[in-house]
Amino acid sequence: MKPLYLDLPAVAAAVSLSETSVQKLVRESLFPRPRMLSGRRVAWLTREVEAWAEARPVSDLLPPPNTGHNNRRHRATS
């Protein structure tokens, strides 16, 4: 069973953004807001983060040259 809620580090890792970028998007109402779990604890609903990610537009840009399969293969043989 996958987690119902994700904390900030897990959300940032899941969407490949920094924690600061996630917080900025929340402030700008461009990312789902976290839910109150207790008096001092907040987290994001996994399904809302997934819905946000799937709603992102498809890009015409290619990944930068420092990412991807070729670099993993190169590192493995180095």
Protein backbone atom coordinates (compact mmCIF):
# COMPACT_ATOMS: atom_id res chain seq x y z
CA MET A 1 0.00 0.00 0.00
CA LYS A 2 1.42 3.39 -0.97
CA PRO A 3 1.40 6.19 1.60
CA LEU A 4 -1.68 8.40 1.83
CA TYR A 5 0.40 11.44 2.78
CA LEU A 6 3.85 12.73 1.83
CA ASP A 7 6.00 15.14 3.81
CA LEU A 8 7.86 18.01 2.12
CA PRO A 9 11.10 16.08 1.37
CA ALA A 10 9.09 13.20 -0.12
CA VAL A 11 6.93 15.55 -2.22
CA ALA A 12 9.99 17.38 -3.53
CA ALA A 13 11.66 14.09 -4.47
CA ALA A 14 8.48 12.72 -6.06
CA VAL A 15 8.07 15.72 -8.40
CA SER A 16 11.82 16.30 -8.99
CA LEU A 17 11.80 19.81 -7.52
CA SER A 18 13.59 21.34 -4.57
CA GLU A 19 11.73 21.79 -1.29
CA THR A 20 12.03 25.56 -1.79
CA SER A 21 10.43 25.30 -5.25
CA VAL A 22 7.52 23.27 -3.87
CA GLN A 23 6.96 25.84 -1.12
CA LYS A 24 7.07 28.69 -3.67
CA LEU A 25 4.54 26.95 -5.93
CA VAL A 26 2.23 26.42 -2.92
CA ARG A 27 2.48 30.14 -2.03
CA GLU A 28 1.66 31.04 -5.65
CA SER A 29 -1.32 28.61 -5.62
CA LEU A 30 0.32 26.58 -8.40
CA PHE A 31 0.70 23.40 -6.34
CA PRO A 32 -1.70 21.59 -3.98
CA ARG A 33 -1.75 22.89 -0.43
CA PRO A 34 -0.71 20.53 2.37
CA ARG A 35 -3.28 19.10 4.81
CA MET A 36 -3.21 19.52 8.58
CA LEU A 37 -2.43 16.16 10.18
CA SER A 38 -2.09 17.50 13.72
CA GLY A 39 -1.52 20.82 15.47
CA ARG A 40 1.98 21.22 14.03
CA ARG A 41 2.23 18.63 11.26
CA VAL A 42 1.25 19.03 7.62
CA ALA A 43 1.59 16.73 4.62
CA TRP A 44 0.33 16.40 1.06
CA LEU A 45 -2.24 13.87 -0.10
CA THR A 46 -0.39 11.54 -2.46
CA ARG A 47 -3.29 11.47 -4.93
CA GLU A 48 -3.33 15.30 -5.16
CA VAL A 49 0.42 15.41 -5.86
CA GLU A 50 0.00 12.69 -8.50
CA ALA A 51 -2.92 14.57 -10.11
CA TRP A 52 -0.84 17.77 -10.21
CA ALA A 53 2.08 15.91 -11.82
CA GLU A 54 -0.13 14.24 -14.44
CA ALA A 55 -1.74 17.60 -15.31
CA ARG A 56 1.62 19.17 -16.19
CA PRO A 57 1.87 20.02 -19.89
CA VAL A 58 3.96 17.86 -22.18
CA SER A 59 7.24 19.56 -23.07
CA ASP A 60 8.82 19.95 -26.48
CA LEU A 61 12.21 20.36 -24.78
CA LEU A 62 14.64 17.48 -24.51
CA PRO A 63 16.26 16.70 -21.14
CA PRO A 64 19.58 18.48 -20.58
CA PRO A 65 22.67 16.52 -21.68
CA ASN A 66 23.78 15.90 -18.06
CA THR A 67 20.82 13.57 -17.38
CA GLY A 68 19.52 10.38 -18.80
CA HIS A 69 20.47 6.84 -19.69
CA ASN A 70 23.80 7.59 -21.40
CA ASN A 71 25.27 9.16 -18.28
CA ARG A 72 24.24 6.22 -16.08
CA ARG A 73 25.91 3.81 -18.50
CA HIS A 74 29.04 5.96 -18.62
CA ARG A 75 29.28 6.13 -14.82
CA ALA A 76 28.83 2.37 -14.52
CA THR A 77 31.79 1.71 -16.83
CA SER A 78 34.07 4.37 -15.36
